[in-house]
Protein backbone atom coordinates (compact mmCIF):
# COMPACT_ATOMS: atom_id res chain seq x y z
CA UNK A 1 333.35 41.72 10.63
CA UNK A 2 331.13 43.78 12.86
CA UNK A 3 329.53 41.46 15.41
CA UNK A 4 325.81 41.94 16.00
CA UNK A 5 324.48 41.27 19.44
CA UNK A 6 321.05 39.69 19.78
CA UNK A 7 319.32 43.01 20.52
CA UNK A 8 320.83 44.71 17.45
CA UNK A 9 320.03 41.73 15.22
CA UNK A 10 316.44 41.63 16.50
CA UNK A 11 316.15 45.35 15.72
CA UNK A 12 316.94 44.88 12.04
CA UNK A 13 314.09 44.87 9.55
CA UNK A 14 313.58 41.71 7.49
CA UNK A 15 314.66 43.70 4.42
CA UNK A 16 318.14 44.05 5.97
CA UNK A 17 318.78 40.32 5.64
CA UNK A 18 319.74 38.41 2.50
CA UNK A 19 317.26 35.69 3.49
CA UNK A 20 314.42 37.85 4.75
CA UNK A 21 311.91 35.27 6.01
CA UNK A 22 314.60 33.27 7.78
CA UNK A 23 316.41 36.41 9.02
CA UNK A 24 319.73 34.97 7.89
CA UNK A 25 322.80 36.89 6.68
CA UNK A 26 322.38 40.56 7.66
CA UNK A 27 323.39 43.13 5.03
CA UNK A 28 323.78 46.37 6.99
CA UNK A 29 327.44 47.06 6.11
CA UNK A 30 330.24 46.03 3.72
CA UNK A 31 331.68 43.45 6.10
CA UNK A 32 328.36 41.68 6.45
CA UNK A 33 327.82 41.73 2.68
CA UNK A 34 331.18 40.00 2.13
CA UNK A 35 330.28 37.49 4.83
CA UNK A 36 326.88 36.81 3.24
CA UNK A 37 328.59 35.94 -0.05
CA UNK A 38 331.17 33.74 1.68
CA UNK A 39 328.52 31.86 3.69
CA UNK A 40 325.81 31.80 1.02
CA UNK A 41 326.13 28.09 0.23
CA UNK A 42 326.10 27.20 3.93
CA UNK A 43 322.57 28.50 4.48
CA UNK A 44 320.23 25.54 4.98
CA UNK A 45 316.49 25.15 4.73
CA UNK A 46 315.92 27.58 1.87
CA UNK A 47 314.59 27.05 -1.64
CA UNK A 48 316.23 28.08 -4.90
CA UNK A 49 313.61 30.85 -5.11
CA UNK A 50 314.75 32.08 -1.67
CA UNK A 51 318.36 31.96 -2.90
CA UNK A 52 317.48 33.91 -6.06
CA UNK A 53 315.81 36.62 -4.00
CA UNK A 54 318.65 36.67 -1.46
CA UNK A 55 321.24 37.00 -4.23
CA UNK A 56 319.42 40.05 -5.62
CA UNK A 57 319.49 41.66 -2.17
CA UNK A 58 323.18 40.81 -1.74
CA UNK A 59 324.04 42.30 -5.14
CA UNK A 60 322.11 45.49 -4.28
CA UNK A 61 323.81 45.75 -0.89
CA UNK A 62 327.20 45.10 -2.50
CA UNK A 63 326.62 48.00 -4.87
CA UNK A 64 325.47 50.24 -2.01
CA UNK A 65 328.54 49.47 0.13
CA UNK A 66 330.99 49.32 -2.79
CA UNK A 67 331.76 45.60 -2.34
CA UNK A 68 333.07 43.82 -5.41
CA UNK A 69 331.23 40.57 -6.16
CA UNK A 70 332.74 38.57 -9.01
CA UNK A 71 329.90 36.07 -9.42
CA UNK A 72 326.92 37.16 -11.49
CA UNK A 73 324.76 34.35 -10.08
CA UNK A 74 324.79 32.51 -6.76
CA UNK A 75 325.26 29.22 -8.61
CA UNK A 76 328.77 30.41 -9.53
CA UNK A 77 329.94 30.69 -5.91
CA UNK A 78 332.87 28.38 -5.32
CA UNK A 79 333.42 27.68 -9.01
CA UNK A 80 336.60 29.02 -10.54
CA UNK A 81 336.25 30.78 -13.85
CA UNK A 82 338.74 29.89 -16.56
């Protein structure tokens, strides 16, 4: 994954984060999108409404960067489909 230094992270617009208000999980490239999905359930201090909005941004970024996301909803993360 591309590592962001503090200056680069501070330079990102809120819209470039999955969790905009909290500025958590940047979405500026494919590697960060995959990381946002992997770490989604580890984000603390956010509501389900925040998660719903973040998931929409992650799905849009995944499409933009051609990242395959198997889950259709964030509630499916970590659950194996039969």
